[in-house]
Amino acid sequence: MKEICKCADVFVQKCSIKDFALLKICLCAVGIMVGLSIPEKKRKWPLTAAGFVFVFSYILIMAKFVKICMDER
C-alpha cells in the first residue's frame, strides 16, 4: 500500500492541469453512471455515453500512472 501511495504522490507532482481536468471528467462520468435515475427505456444512451467517456479517460489516466510507477521502480 505504501508503494501505491508513493506512486500516487509522484503522479500528482508530475500531473499538469490537463491531467486533473481529465480526472474530473472521468469522475463526472462515473457520477453520471452511478446516479442515473432515468426510466429504463430512456437510460441506454446517457449510460452508453457516460461509459464511453469513463473508459476513455480512465485509460489515459491509468496509462500515465502506470508509466510513472514503472519509472519509480
Protein backbone atom coordinates (compact mmCIF):
# COMPACT_ATOMS: atom_id res chain seq x y z
CA MET A 1 0.00 0.00 0.00
CA LYS A 2 2.89 2.35 0.73
CA GLU A 3 4.18 1.75 -2.81
CA ILE A 4 0.86 2.82 -4.31
CA CYS A 5 0.73 5.94 -2.13
CA LYS A 6 4.29 6.83 -3.11
CA CYS A 7 3.45 6.38 -6.79
CA ALA A 8 0.30 8.48 -6.33
CA ASP A 9 2.34 11.29 -4.77
CA VAL A 10 4.77 11.29 -7.68
CA PHE A 11 1.83 11.12 -10.10
CA VAL A 12 0.25 14.20 -8.57
CA GLN A 13 3.56 16.09 -8.70
CA LYS A 14 4.01 15.28 -12.39
CA CYS A 15 0.41 15.99 -13.42
CA SER A 16 -0.50 19.03 -15.45
CA ILE A 17 -3.75 20.95 -15.36
CA LYS A 18 -4.90 18.86 -18.34
CA ASP A 19 -4.41 15.66 -16.36
CA PHE A 20 -6.51 16.96 -13.49
CA ALA A 21 -9.20 18.09 -15.92
CA LEU A 22 -9.22 14.59 -17.40
CA LEU A 23 -9.52 13.13 -13.90
CA LYS A 24 -12.51 15.37 -13.16
CA ILE A 25 -14.17 14.35 -16.43
CA CYS A 26 -13.61 10.70 -15.54
CA LEU A 27 -15.15 11.17 -12.09
CA CYS A 28 -18.07 13.08 -13.59
CA ALA A 29 -18.77 10.19 -15.95
CA VAL A 30 -18.71 7.76 -13.01
CA GLY A 31 -21.12 10.02 -11.13
CA ILE A 32 -23.48 10.05 -14.09
CA MET A 33 -23.37 6.27 -14.39
CA VAL A 34 -23.92 5.71 -10.66
CA GLY A 35 -26.55 8.40 -10.19
CA LEU A 36 -28.54 7.67 -13.30
CA SER A 37 -32.15 7.53 -12.24
CA ILE A 38 -33.70 7.81 -15.69
CA PRO A 39 -36.51 5.37 -16.53
CA GLU A 40 -35.32 2.07 -18.02
CA LYS A 41 -36.47 2.88 -21.56
CA LYS A 42 -34.51 6.15 -21.77
CA ARG A 43 -31.41 5.00 -19.86
CA LYS A 44 -29.47 3.43 -22.73
CA TRP A 45 -27.95 6.49 -24.44
CA PRO A 46 -26.84 8.50 -21.38
CA LEU A 47 -25.37 5.38 -19.80
CA THR A 48 -23.56 4.46 -23.03
CA ALA A 49 -22.14 7.97 -23.43
CA ALA A 50 -21.01 8.17 -19.80
CA GLY A 51 -19.50 4.70 -20.05
CA PHE A 52 -17.53 5.64 -23.15
CA VAL A 53 -16.23 8.86 -21.56
CA PHE A 54 -15.27 6.98 -18.39
CA VAL A 55 -13.40 4.20 -20.20
CA PHE A 56 -11.55 6.64 -22.48
CA SER A 57 -10.49 8.99 -19.69
CA TYR A 58 -9.67 6.15 -17.28
CA ILE A 59 -7.33 4.53 -19.83
CA LEU A 60 -5.49 7.82 -20.37
CA ILE A 61 -5.13 8.48 -16.63
CA MET A 62 -4.03 4.94 -15.78
CA ALA A 63 -1.52 4.85 -18.66
CA LYS A 64 0.27 7.84 -17.19
CA PHE A 65 0.03 6.45 -13.64
CA VAL A 66 1.46 3.07 -14.65
CA LYS A 67 4.27 4.76 -16.58
CA ILE A 68 5.19 6.81 -13.52
CA CYS A 69 5.06 3.75 -11.27
CA MET A 70 7.35 1.86 -13.64
CA ASP A 71 9.79 4.80 -13.74
CA GLU A 72 9.86 4.96 -9.93
CA ARG A 73 10.80 1.30 -9.60
